[in-house]
Amino acid sequence: MRVRRLLDYLVFVVARVMLCILQAMSLDAAQRLARRLAWLCGRVLRIRASVIEENLRHAFPEMSPEHRRRLARRMWEHLFLLVVEVVHARRTIHETNWREFVRLEGVAPLVRAMLSDRPVLIVTAHFGNFEIGGFMLGMLGFPTFTVARDLDNPYLDQLLRRFRRTTGQTILAKNGQFERIEAALESGATMALLADQHAGPKGCWVQFFGRPASAHKAIALLSLDHDAPVAVVCCQRRLDRPLQFEMRLVAMLDPRELGSCGDGMRELTQWYTSKLEEMIRTAPEQYWWLHRRWREPPAGRRRQAAKAA
């Protein structure tokens, strides 16, 4: 245990030194560095290359192999730029100048919902800069309860939590805090969740990019149980420049619209999953294709997966 803690701390020290270097760099220099690191990870080290290639081949079967390779390199560049933006955000974006960096698009229905006495579930994916999205919601006066998995390295986890709490986010662990999640929704709070990861064999099997994928049931169940509208939202980089974003409401669904017929949980889960797909297709280079999002359903779930297809 002591050795593990020491290794975690050494990794943390190295990460802090790198973050200090990024803070000292201009955004243009950091973007050039991101391109070089993207080439290193994608073409030389080929990190998770087989997973990325498989995901892109299934999601975009019409793409040529060269197009998929370019998209993979642009994805790596996006990941490094995401870190750069998080490092620079606290010192650069303030209540007085945020309009220079963020453009709001179609968010009026979401604002009205968050100002009401009903809870709201904000659903997004590992797309664009979701960290800046939570940061900006708090700055604009709408701090959220954010459900997130703890990082394995406790020192890095605390570092990331400090950034997330800067503008008032409350971080709830993905596991073991269901009572706090329910209490927050009962109080009419706004809760943000990432909804694009594999939910295991017991998840709700829906269609995502034309393939069966396991999605978490909790989002739909929380929405139905607490009468909470679900808003699919993104914070997408625009103009191919760091720290230039468009925060957009992709779609919004009130669970009261589902009615009493059919399987509301499955219908709502497929709805937000389809909206996430539409969102990702607008800028696929800004999605994390290195996740193993699609996996073979177990024997007991193949009929459900076939139904989704």
C-alpha atoms as a PDB file:
ATOM      1  CA  MET A   1       0.000   0.000   0.000  1.00  0.00           C
ATOM      2  CA  ARG A   2       2.832   2.409   0.833  1.00  0.00           C
ATOM      3  CA  VAL A   3       4.526   1.694  -2.483  1.00  0.00           C
ATOM      4  CA  ARG A   4       1.247   2.324  -4.324  1.00  0.00           C
ATOM      5  CA  ARG A   5       0.735   5.632  -2.509  1.00  0.00           C
ATOM      6  CA  LEU A   6       4.308   6.672  -3.296  1.00  0.00           C
ATOM      7  CA  LEU A   7       3.881   5.850  -6.992  1.00  0.00           C
ATOM      8  CA  ASP A   8       0.577   7.754  -7.079  1.00  0.00           C
ATOM      9  CA  TYR A   9       2.261  10.773  -5.512  1.00  0.00           C
ATOM     10  CA  LEU A  10       5.154  10.659  -7.982  1.00  0.00           C
ATOM     11  CA  VAL A  11       2.680  10.556 -10.873  1.00  0.00           C
ATOM     12  CA  PHE A  12       0.889  13.514  -9.303  1.00  0.00           C
ATOM     13  CA  VAL A  13       4.146  15.506  -9.033  1.00  0.00           C
ATOM     14  CA  VAL A  14       4.973  14.829 -12.688  1.00  0.00           C
ATOM     15  CA  ALA A  15       1.436  15.845 -13.709  1.00  0.00           C
ATOM     16  CA  ARG A  16       1.638  19.072 -11.699  1.00  0.00           C
ATOM     17  CA  VAL A  17       4.949  19.994 -13.315  1.00  0.00           C
ATOM     18  CA  MET A  18       3.458  19.390 -16.763  1.00  0.00           C
ATOM     19  CA  LEU A  19       0.390  21.454 -15.895  1.00  0.00           C
ATOM     20  CA  CYS A  20       2.615  24.317 -14.731  1.00  0.00           C
ATOM     21  CA  ILE A  21       4.432  24.195 -18.077  1.00  0.00           C
ATOM     22  CA  LEU A  22       1.093  24.290 -19.931  1.00  0.00           C
ATOM     23  CA  GLN A  23      -0.043  27.263 -17.846  1.00  0.00           C
ATOM     24  CA  ALA A  24       3.106  29.140 -18.853  1.00  0.00           C
ATOM     25  CA  MET A  25       2.566  28.432 -22.572  1.00  0.00           C
ATOM     26  CA  SER A  26       0.442  30.521 -24.891  1.00  0.00           C
ATOM     27  CA  LEU A  27      -2.640  28.863 -26.355  1.00  0.00           C
ATOM     28  CA  ASP A  28      -1.094  28.861 -29.849  1.00  0.00           C
ATOM     29  CA  ALA A  29       2.044  27.118 -28.579  1.00  0.00           C
ATOM     30  CA  ALA A  30      -0.054  24.640 -26.610  1.00  0.00           C
ATOM     31  CA  GLN A  31      -2.109  23.845 -29.728  1.00  0.00           C
ATOM     32  CA  ARG A  32       1.068  23.142 -31.712  1.00  0.00           C
ATOM     33  CA  LEU A  33       2.242  20.873 -28.894  1.00  0.00           C
ATOM     34  CA  ALA A  34      -1.113  19.080 -28.919  1.00  0.00           C
ATOM     35  CA  ARG A  35      -0.722  18.323 -32.636  1.00  0.00           C
ATOM     36  CA  ARG A  36       2.731  16.824 -32.089  1.00  0.00           C
ATOM     37  CA  LEU A  37       1.541  14.740 -29.161  1.00  0.00           C
ATOM     38  CA  ALA A  38      -1.447  13.569 -31.211  1.00  0.00           C
ATOM     39  CA  TRP A  39       0.920  12.365 -33.937  1.00  0.00           C
ATOM     40  CA  LEU A  40       3.050  10.607 -31.303  1.00  0.00           C
ATOM     41  CA  CYS A  41       0.125   8.819 -29.644  1.00  0.00           C
ATOM     42  CA  GLY A  42      -1.750   8.005 -32.844  1.00  0.00           C
ATOM     43  CA  ARG A  43       0.959   7.135 -35.345  1.00  0.00           C
ATOM     44  CA  VAL A  44       4.034   6.147 -33.318  1.00  0.00           C
ATOM     45  CA  LEU A  45       2.848   4.694 -30.004  1.00  0.00           C
ATOM     46  CA  ARG A  46      -0.541   3.672 -31.480  1.00  0.00           C
ATOM     47  CA  ILE A  47      -2.249   3.819 -28.082  1.00  0.00           C
ATOM     48  CA  ARG A  48      -5.532   1.854 -28.183  1.00  0.00           C
ATOM     49  CA  ALA A  49      -5.265   1.927 -31.970  1.00  0.00           C
ATOM     50  CA  SER A  50      -7.234  -1.289 -32.473  1.00  0.00           C
ATOM     51  CA  VAL A  51     -10.139  -0.084 -30.295  1.00  0.00           C
ATOM     52  CA  ILE A  52     -10.263   3.307 -32.041  1.00  0.00           C
ATOM     53  CA  GLU A  53     -10.124   1.726 -35.490  1.00  0.00           C
ATOM     54  CA  GLU A  54     -12.867  -0.776 -34.660  1.00  0.00           C
ATOM     55  CA  ASN A  55     -15.144   1.931 -33.225  1.00  0.00           C
ATOM     56  CA  LEU A  56     -14.672   4.241 -36.207  1.00  0.00           C
ATOM     57  CA  ARG A  57     -15.095   1.429 -38.721  1.00  0.00           C
ATOM     58  CA  HIS A  58     -18.446   0.454 -37.232  1.00  0.00           C
ATOM     59  CA  ALA A  59     -19.647   4.031 -36.645  1.00  0.00           C
ATOM     60  CA  PHE A  60     -18.610   5.297 -40.102  1.00  0.00           C
ATOM     61  CA  PRO A  61     -18.438   2.319 -42.469  1.00  0.00           C
ATOM     62  CA  GLU A  62     -18.469   4.669 -45.473  1.00  0.00           C
ATOM     63  CA  MET A  63     -15.170   6.323 -44.443  1.00  0.00           C
ATOM     64  CA  SER A  64     -11.928   5.386 -46.136  1.00  0.00           C
ATOM     65  CA  PRO A  65      -9.093   3.991 -43.948  1.00  0.00           C
ATOM     66  CA  GLU A  66      -7.085   7.189 -44.489  1.00  0.00           C
ATOM     67  CA  HIS A  67     -10.046   9.327 -43.404  1.00  0.00           C
ATOM     68  CA  ARG A  68     -10.382   7.240 -40.236  1.00  0.00           C
ATOM     69  CA  ARG A  69      -6.675   7.665 -39.473  1.00  0.00           C
ATOM     70  CA  ARG A  70      -6.983  11.441 -39.835  1.00  0.00           C
ATOM     71  CA  LEU A  71     -10.040  11.429 -37.600  1.00  0.00           C
ATOM     72  CA  ALA A  72      -8.160   9.415 -34.970  1.00  0.00           C
ATOM     73  CA  ARG A  73      -5.269  11.916 -34.990  1.00  0.00           C
ATOM     74  CA  ARG A  74      -7.702  14.820 -34.643  1.00  0.00           C
ATOM     75  CA  MET A  75      -9.335  13.011 -31.709  1.00  0.00           C
ATOM     76  CA  TRP A  76      -5.970  12.787 -29.924  1.00  0.00           C
ATOM     77  CA  GLU A  77      -5.345  16.468 -30.598  1.00  0.00           C
ATOM     78  CA  HIS A  78      -8.758  17.241 -29.109  1.00  0.00           C
ATOM     79  CA  LEU A  79      -7.938  15.262 -25.948  1.00  0.00           C
ATOM     80  CA  PHE A  80      -4.727  17.202 -25.369  1.00  0.00           C
ATOM     81  CA  LEU A  81      -6.468  20.512 -26.081  1.00  0.00           C
ATOM     82  CA  LEU A  82      -9.116  19.585 -23.520  1.00  0.00           C
ATOM     83  CA  VAL A  83      -6.403  19.418 -20.845  1.00  0.00           C
ATOM     84  CA  VAL A  84      -4.931  22.739 -22.025  1.00  0.00           C
ATOM     85  CA  GLU A  85      -8.350  24.401 -21.803  1.00  0.00           C
ATOM     86  CA  VAL A  86      -9.008  23.101 -18.303  1.00  0.00           C
ATOM     87  CA  VAL A  87      -5.590  24.357 -17.174  1.00  0.00           C
ATOM     88  CA  HIS A  88      -6.165  27.849 -18.603  1.00  0.00           C
ATOM     89  CA  ALA A  89      -9.886  28.238 -17.843  1.00  0.00           C
ATOM     90  CA  ARG A  90      -9.727  29.402 -14.228  1.00  0.00           C
ATOM     91  CA  ARG A  91      -7.223  32.154 -15.034  1.00  0.00           C
ATOM     92  CA  THR A  92      -8.793  33.209 -18.318  1.00  0.00           C
ATOM     93  CA  ILE A  93     -12.591  32.941 -18.194  1.00  0.00           C
ATOM     94  CA  HIS A  94     -14.388  35.179 -15.694  1.00  0.00           C
ATOM     95  CA  GLU A  95     -17.886  36.514 -15.048  1.00  0.00           C
ATOM     96  CA  THR A  96     -17.055  39.687 -16.981  1.00  0.00           C
ATOM     97  CA  ASN A  97     -15.509  38.228 -20.144  1.00  0.00           C
ATOM     98  CA  TRP A  98     -17.083  34.787 -20.647  1.00  0.00           C
ATOM     99  CA  ARG A  99     -18.845  35.939 -23.826  1.00  0.00           C
ATOM    100  CA  GLU A 100     -15.439  36.175 -25.523  1.00  0.00           C
ATOM    101  CA  PHE A 101     -15.041  32.413 -25.114  1.00  0.00           C
ATOM    102  CA  VAL A 102     -18.498  30.848 -24.983  1.00  0.00           C
ATOM    103  CA  ARG A 103     -21.506  31.219 -27.279  1.00  0.00           C
ATOM    104  CA  LEU A 104     -24.899  29.992 -26.063  1.00  0.00           C
ATOM    105  CA  GLU A 105     -27.187  28.307 -28.567  1.00  0.00           C
ATOM    106  CA  GLY A 106     -30.837  27.410 -27.997  1.00  0.00           C
ATOM    107  CA  VAL A 107     -30.547  27.171 -24.217  1.00  0.00           C
ATOM    108  CA  ALA A 108     -33.702  29.133 -23.289  1.00  0.00           C
ATOM    109  CA  PRO A 109     -35.840  25.999 -22.590  1.00  0.00           C
ATOM    110  CA  LEU A 110     -33.077  24.617 -20.363  1.00  0.00           C
ATOM    111  CA  VAL A 111     -32.775  27.883 -18.432  1.00  0.00           C
ATOM    112  CA  ARG A 112     -36.540  27.948 -17.853  1.00  0.00           C
ATOM    113  CA  ALA A 113     -36.431  24.360 -16.599  1.00  0.00           C
ATOM    114  CA  MET A 114     -33.528  25.051 -14.212  1.00  0.00           C
ATOM    115  CA  LEU A 115     -35.348  28.106 -12.829  1.00  0.00           C
ATOM    116  CA  SER A 116     -38.465  26.044 -12.107  1.00  0.00           C
ATOM    117  CA  ASP A 117     -38.999  24.040  -8.925  1.00  0.00           C
ATOM    118  CA  ARG A 118     -38.601  20.715 -10.759  1.00  0.00           C
ATOM    119  CA  PRO A 119     -35.280  18.848 -10.874  1.00  0.00           C
ATOM    120  CA  VAL A 120     -33.429  18.632 -14.199  1.00  0.00           C
ATOM    121  CA  LEU A 121     -31.134  15.916 -15.526  1.00  0.00           C
ATOM    122  CA  ILE A 122     -28.437  17.209 -17.880  1.00  0.00           C
ATOM    123  CA  VAL A 123     -27.074  14.400 -20.034  1.00  0.00           C
ATOM    124  CA  THR A 124     -23.922  14.669 -22.109  1.00  0.00           C
ATOM    125  CA  ALA A 125     -21.104  12.498 -23.412  1.00  0.00           C
ATOM    126  CA  HIS A 126     -17.318  12.455 -23.604  1.00  0.00           C
ATOM    127  CA  PHE A 127     -17.702  14.987 -26.374  1.00  0.00           C
ATOM    128  CA  GLY A 128     -16.331  18.499 -26.732  1.00  0.00           C
ATOM    129  CA  ASN A 129     -15.063  19.857 -23.435  1.00  0.00           C
ATOM    130  CA  PHE A 130     -17.609  18.585 -20.925  1.00  0.00           C
ATOM    131  CA  GLU A 131     -15.415  19.843 -18.054  1.00  0.00           C
ATOM    132  CA  ILE A 132     -15.730  23.412 -19.331  1.00  0.00           C
ATOM    133  CA  GLY A 133     -19.467  22.828 -19.694  1.00  0.00           C
ATOM    134  CA  GLY A 134     -19.856  22.153 -15.964  1.00  0.00           C
ATOM    135  CA  PHE A 135     -17.477  25.015 -15.162  1.00  0.00           C
ATOM    136  CA  MET A 136     -19.552  27.458 -17.230  1.00  0.00           C
ATOM    137  CA  LEU A 137     -22.924  26.363 -15.837  1.00  0.00           C
ATOM    138  CA  GLY A 138     -21.693  27.242 -12.353  1.00  0.00           C
ATOM    139  CA  MET A 139     -20.270  30.566 -13.531  1.00  0.00           C
ATOM    140  CA  LEU A 140     -23.613  31.460 -15.114  1.00  0.00           C
ATOM    141  CA  GLY A 141     -25.369  30.838 -11.804  1.00  0.00           C
ATOM    142  CA  PHE A 142     -26.520  27.226 -12.302  1.00  0.00           C
ATOM    143  CA  PRO A 143     -24.192  25.043 -10.209  1.00  0.00           C
ATOM    144  CA  THR A 144     -24.887  21.361 -10.679  1.00  0.00           C
ATOM    145  CA  PHE A 145     -24.587  18.117  -8.824  1.00  0.00           C
ATOM    146  CA  THR A 146     -22.218  16.156 -11.037  1.00  0.00           C
ATOM    147  CA  VAL A 147     -22.036  12.374 -10.885  1.00  0.00           C
ATOM    148  CA  ALA A 148     -18.490  11.235 -11.688  1.00  0.00           C
ATOM    149  CA  ARG A 149     -16.275   8.233 -11.111  1.00  0.00           C
ATOM    150  CA  ASP A 150     -13.331   8.774  -8.758  1.00  0.00           C
ATOM    151  CA  LEU A 151      -9.918   8.634 -10.419  1.00  0.00           C
ATOM    152  CA  ASP A 152      -7.708   5.737  -9.353  1.00  0.00           C
ATOM    153  CA  ASN A 153      -4.966   8.179  -8.291  1.00  0.00           C
ATOM    154  CA  PRO A 154      -6.324  10.015  -5.197  1.00  0.00           C
ATOM    155  CA  TYR A 155      -3.974  12.988  -5.648  1.00  0.00           C
ATOM    156  CA  LEU A 156      -5.051  13.554  -9.257  1.00  0.00           C
ATOM    157  CA  ASP A 157      -8.649  13.027  -8.185  1.00  0.00           C
ATOM    158  CA  GLN A 158      -8.379  15.841  -5.630  1.00  0.00           C
ATOM    159  CA  LEU A 159      -6.732  18.078  -8.240  1.00  0.00           C
ATOM    160  CA  LEU A 160      -9.586  17.553 -10.685  1.00  0.00           C
ATOM    161  CA  ARG A 161     -12.182  17.999  -7.934  1.00  0.00           C
ATOM    162  CA  ARG A 162     -10.721  21.407  -7.065  1.00  0.00           C
ATOM    163  CA  PHE A 163     -11.245  22.545 -10.644  1.00  0.00           C
ATOM    164  CA  ARG A 164     -14.781  21.186 -10.757  1.00  0.00           C
ATOM    165  CA  ARG A 165     -15.687  22.930  -7.508  1.00  0.00           C
ATOM    166  CA  THR A 166     -14.346  26.300  -8.668  1.00  0.00           C
ATOM    167  CA  THR A 167     -17.750  27.583  -9.783  1.00  0.00           C
ATOM    168  CA  GLY A 168     -19.868  25.585  -7.350  1.00  0.00           C
ATOM    169  CA  GLN A 169     -20.216  22.059  -8.723  1.00  0.00           C
ATOM    170  CA  THR A 170     -20.946  19.391  -6.125  1.00  0.00           C
ATOM    171  CA  ILE A 171     -19.286  16.100  -7.044  1.00  0.00           C
ATOM    172  CA  LEU A 172     -21.085  12.874  -6.194  1.00  0.00           C
ATOM    173  CA  ALA A 173     -19.369   9.528  -6.553  1.00  0.00           C
ATOM    174  CA  LYS A 174     -20.758   7.200  -9.191  1.00  0.00           C
ATOM    175  CA  ASN A 175     -21.040   4.380  -6.674  1.00  0.00           C
ATOM    176  CA  GLY A 176     -22.302   4.410  -3.092  1.00  0.00           C
ATOM    177  CA  GLN A 177     -24.058   7.803  -3.065  1.00  0.00           C
ATOM    178  CA  PHE A 178     -27.458   6.970  -4.507  1.00  0.00           C
ATOM    179  CA  GLU A 179     -29.223   8.400  -1.447  1.00  0.00           C
ATOM    180  CA  ARG A 180     -27.491  11.764  -1.938  1.00  0.00           C
ATOM    181  CA  ILE A 181     -28.444  11.709  -5.623  1.00  0.00           C
ATOM    182  CA  GLU A 182     -32.091  11.107  -4.763  1.00  0.00           C
ATOM    183  CA  ALA A 183     -32.026  13.783  -2.044  1.00  0.00           C
ATOM    184  CA  ALA A 184     -30.604  16.333  -4.493  1.00  0.00           C
ATOM    185  CA  LEU A 185     -33.324  15.581  -7.047  1.00  0.00           C
ATOM    186  CA  GLU A 186     -36.046  15.756  -4.396  1.00  0.00           C
ATOM    187  CA  SER A 187     -34.808  19.254  -3.550  1.00  0.00           C
ATOM    188  CA  GLY A 188     -35.234  20.343  -7.190  1.00  0.00           C
ATOM    189  CA  ALA A 189     -31.518  20.431  -8.051  1.00  0.00           C
ATOM    190  CA  THR A 190     -29.899  20.153 -11.473  1.00  0.00           C
ATOM    191  CA  MET A 191     -27.813  17.027 -11.958  1.00  0.00           C
ATOM    192  CA  ALA A 192     -25.258  16.429 -14.733  1.00  0.00           C
ATOM    193  CA  LEU A 193     -24.229  12.975 -15.941  1.00  0.00           C
ATOM    194  CA  LEU A 194     -22.035  11.450 -18.638  1.00  0.00           C
ATOM    195  CA  ALA A 195     -24.192   8.845 -20.371  1.00  0.00           C
ATOM    196  CA  ASP A 196     -22.061   7.290 -23.093  1.00  0.00           C
ATOM    197  CA  GLN A 197     -20.137   4.538 -21.313  1.00  0.00           C
ATOM    198  CA  HIS A 198     -20.749   0.785 -21.360  1.00  0.00           C
ATOM    199  CA  ALA A 199     -23.192  -0.125 -18.586  1.00  0.00           C
ATOM    200  CA  GLY A 200     -22.404  -3.825 -18.389  1.00  0.00           C
ATOM    201  CA  PRO A 201     -24.483  -6.849 -19.330  1.00  0.00           C
ATOM    202  CA  LYS A 202     -27.423  -5.830 -17.113  1.00  0.00           C
ATOM    203  CA  GLY A 203     -27.818  -2.384 -18.680  1.00  0.00           C
ATOM    204  CA  CYS A 204     -30.540  -1.269 -21.045  1.00  0.00           C
ATOM    205  CA  TRP A 205     -29.572  -2.373 -24.558  1.00  0.00           C
ATOM    206  CA  VAL A 206     -30.265   0.354 -27.117  1.00  0.00           C
ATOM    207  CA  GLN A 207     -29.067   1.396 -30.562  1.00  0.00           C
ATOM    208  CA  PHE A 208     -25.994   3.646 -30.750  1.00  0.00           C
ATOM    209  CA  PHE A 209     -24.402   4.295 -34.162  1.00  0.00           C
ATOM    210  CA  GLY A 210     -26.295   1.353 -35.603  1.00  0.00           C
ATOM    211  CA  ARG A 211     -25.050  -1.178 -33.034  1.00  0.00           C
ATOM    212  CA  PRO A 212     -26.528  -2.523 -29.801  1.00  0.00           C
ATOM    213  CA  ALA A 213     -24.946  -0.793 -26.797  1.00  0.00           C
ATOM    214  CA  SER A 214     -25.561  -1.150 -23.078  1.00  0.00           C
ATOM    215  CA  ALA A 215     -26.730   2.101 -21.447  1.00  0.00           C
ATOM    216  CA  HIS A 216     -27.314   2.881 -17.781  1.00  0.00           C
ATOM    217  CA  LYS A 217     -30.921   2.546 -16.646  1.00  0.00           C
ATOM    218  CA  ALA A 218     -30.497   5.002 -13.766  1.00  0.00           C
ATOM    219  CA  ILE A 219     -30.942   8.171 -15.838  1.00  0.00           C
ATOM    220  CA  ALA A 220     -34.341   7.175 -17.176  1.00  0.00           C
ATOM    221  CA  LEU A 221     -35.462   5.759 -13.840  1.00  0.00           C
ATOM    222  CA  LEU A 222     -34.425   8.923 -11.975  1.00  0.00           C
ATOM    223  CA  SER A 223     -36.241  11.051 -14.530  1.00  0.00           C
ATOM    224  CA  LEU A 224     -39.438   9.010 -14.277  1.00  0.00           C
ATOM    225  CA  ASP A 225     -39.348   8.655 -10.481  1.00  0.00           C
ATOM    226  CA  HIS A 226     -38.626  12.350  -9.799  1.00  0.00           C
ATOM    227  CA  ASP A 227     -40.563  13.914 -12.711  1.00  0.00           C
ATOM    228  CA  ALA A 228     -37.322  15.453 -14.001  1.00  0.00           C
ATOM    229  CA  PRO A 229     -36.939  16.698 -17.601  1.00  0.00           C
ATOM    230  CA  VAL A 230     -33.896  15.322 -19.418  1.00  0.00           C
ATOM    231  CA  ALA A 231     -31.753  17.782 -21.387  1.00  0.00           C
ATOM    232  CA  VAL A 232     -29.043  16.628 -23.800  1.00  0.00           C
ATOM    233  CA  VAL A 233     -26.397  19.350 -23.760  1.00  0.00           C
ATOM    234  CA  CYS A 234     -22.904  19.795 -25.198  1.00  0.00           C
ATOM    235  CA  CYS A 235     -19.991  22.216 -24.934  1.00  0.00           C
ATOM    236  CA  GLN A 236     -18.423  21.916 -28.385  1.00  0.00           C
ATOM    237  CA  ARG A 237     -15.188  23.555 -29.476  1.00  0.00           C
ATOM    238  CA  ARG A 238     -15.673  25.843 -32.454  1.00  0.00           C
ATOM    239  CA  LEU A 239     -13.418  27.600 -34.972  1.00  0.00           C
ATOM    240  CA  ASP A 240     -10.767  24.882 -34.372  1.00  0.00           C
ATOM    241  CA  ARG A 241      -9.322  27.090 -31.654  1.00  0.00           C
ATOM    242  CA  PRO A 242      -8.789  26.331 -27.951  1.00  0.00           C
ATOM    243  CA  LEU A 243     -11.048  28.098 -25.444  1.00  0.00           C
ATOM    244  CA  GLN A 244     -13.688  28.860 -28.080  1.00  0.00           C
ATOM    245  CA  PHE A 245     -16.909  26.994 -27.335  1.00  0.00           C
ATOM    246  CA  GLU A 246     -20.548  26.702 -28.223  1.00  0.00           C
ATOM    247  CA  MET A 247     -22.763  25.526 -25.359  1.00  0.00           C
ATOM    248  CA  ARG A 248     -25.838  24.054 -27.002  1.00  0.00           C
ATOM    249  CA  LEU A 249     -29.075  22.433 -25.962  1.00  0.00           C
ATOM    250  CA  VAL A 250     -29.374  19.521 -28.369  1.00  0.00           C
ATOM    251  CA  ALA A 251     -32.811  18.360 -27.238  1.00  0.00           C
ATOM    252  CA  MET A 252     -35.035  18.214 -24.184  1.00  0.00           C
ATOM    253  CA  LEU A 253     -37.710  15.723 -23.137  1.00  0.00           C
ATOM    254  CA  ASP A 254     -40.238  15.994 -20.355  1.00  0.00           C
ATOM    255  CA  PRO A 255     -41.091  12.517 -18.945  1.00  0.00           C
ATOM    256  CA  ARG A 256     -44.730  13.615 -18.830  1.00  0.00           C
ATOM    257  CA  GLU A 257     -44.692  13.427 -22.632  1.00  0.00           C
ATOM    258  CA  LEU A 258     -44.036   9.682 -22.611  1.00  0.00           C
ATOM    259  CA  GLY A 259     -47.510   8.765 -21.433  1.00  0.00           C
ATOM    260  CA  SER A 260     -48.464   5.572 -19.656  1.00  0.00           C
ATOM    261  CA  CYS A 261     -48.141   3.169 -22.584  1.00  0.00           C
ATOM    262  CA  GLY A 262     -45.045   1.158 -23.425  1.00  0.00           C
ATOM    263  CA  ASP A 263     -41.722   0.899 -21.611  1.00  0.00           C
ATOM    264  CA  GLY A 264     -40.913   4.456 -20.527  1.00  0.00           C
ATOM    265  CA  MET A 265     -37.481   3.559 -19.226  1.00  0.00           C
ATOM    266  CA  ARG A 266     -36.370   1.982 -22.493  1.00  0.00           C
ATOM    267  CA  GLU A 267     -37.991   4.680 -24.611  1.00  0.00           C
ATOM    268  CA  LEU A 268     -36.284   7.480 -22.695  1.00  0.00           C
ATOM    269  CA  THR A 269     -32.912   5.706 -22.727  1.00  0.00           C
ATOM    270  CA  GLN A 270     -33.073   5.197 -26.484  1.00  0.00           C
ATOM    271  CA  TRP A 271     -34.154   8.826 -26.931  1.00  0.00           C
ATOM    272  CA  TYR A 272     -31.186  10.397 -25.173  1.00  0.00           C
ATOM    273  CA  THR A 273     -28.786   7.865 -26.698  1.00  0.00           C
ATOM    274  CA  SER A 274     -29.995   8.806 -30.185  1.00  0.00           C
ATOM    275  CA  LYS A 275     -29.599  12.500 -29.360  1.00  0.00           C
ATOM    276  CA  LEU A 276     -26.059  11.883 -28.151  1.00  0.00           C
ATOM    277  CA  GLU A 277     -25.325  10.198 -31.470  1.00  0.00           C
ATOM    278  CA  GLU A 278     -26.706  13.177 -33.393  1.00  0.00           C
ATOM    279  CA  MET A 279     -24.534  15.474 -31.287  1.00  0.00           C
ATOM    280  CA  ILE A 280     -21.372  13.435 -31.869  1.00  0.00           C
ATOM    281  CA  ARG A 281     -21.934  13.267 -35.622  1.00  0.00           C
ATOM    282  CA  THR A 282     -21.675  17.071 -35.845  1.00  0.00           C
ATOM    283  CA  ALA A 283     -17.977  16.903 -34.833  1.00  0.00           C
ATOM    284  CA  PRO A 284     -16.824  13.271 -34.504  1.00  0.00           C
ATOM    285  CA  GLU A 285     -13.206  14.326 -33.910  1.00  0.00           C
ATOM    286  CA  GLN A 286     -14.313  15.718 -30.535  1.00  0.00           C
ATOM    287  CA  TYR A 287     -15.545  12.350 -29.225  1.00  0.00           C
ATOM    288  CA  TRP A 288     -13.534   9.835 -27.175  1.00  0.00           C
ATOM    289  CA  TRP A 289     -13.421   6.911 -29.610  1.00  0.00           C
ATOM    290  CA  LEU A 290     -10.876   5.104 -27.411  1.00  0.00           C
ATOM    291  CA  HIS A 291     -13.648   3.818 -25.086  1.00  0.00           C
ATOM    292  CA  ARG A 292     -14.845   0.248 -25.532  1.00  0.00           C
ATOM    293  CA  ARG A 293     -18.415   1.458 -25.870  1.00  0.00           C
ATOM    294  CA  TRP A 294     -19.722  -1.515 -27.852  1.00  0.00           C
ATOM    295  CA  ARG A 295     -19.405  -5.048 -26.522  1.00  0.00           C
ATOM    296  CA  GLU A 296     -21.044  -8.320 -27.346  1.00  0.00           C
ATOM    297  CA  PRO A 297     -24.259  -8.764 -25.319  1.00  0.00           C
ATOM    298  CA  PRO A 298     -24.357 -11.875 -23.109  1.00  0.00           C
ATOM    299  CA  ALA A 299     -26.612 -14.758 -24.045  1.00  0.00           C
ATOM    300  CA  GLY A 300     -29.356 -13.630 -21.664  1.00  0.00           C
ATOM    301  CA  ARG A 301     -29.478 -10.159 -23.216  1.00  0.00           C
ATOM    302  CA  ARG A 302     -29.242 -10.964 -26.921  1.00  0.00           C
ATOM    303  CA  ARG A 303     -33.012 -10.879 -27.391  1.00  0.00           C
ATOM    304  CA  GLN A 304     -33.119  -7.393 -25.841  1.00  0.00           C
ATOM    305  CA  ALA A 305     -30.220  -6.273 -28.044  1.00  0.00           C
ATOM    306  CA  ALA A 306     -31.969  -7.704 -31.115  1.00  0.00           C
ATOM    307  CA  LYS A 307     -35.130  -5.840 -30.132  1.00  0.00           C
ATOM    308  CA  ALA A 308     -33.125  -2.613 -29.931  1.00  0.00           C
ATOM    309  CA  ALA A 309     -31.711  -3.283 -33.408  1.00  0.00           C
END
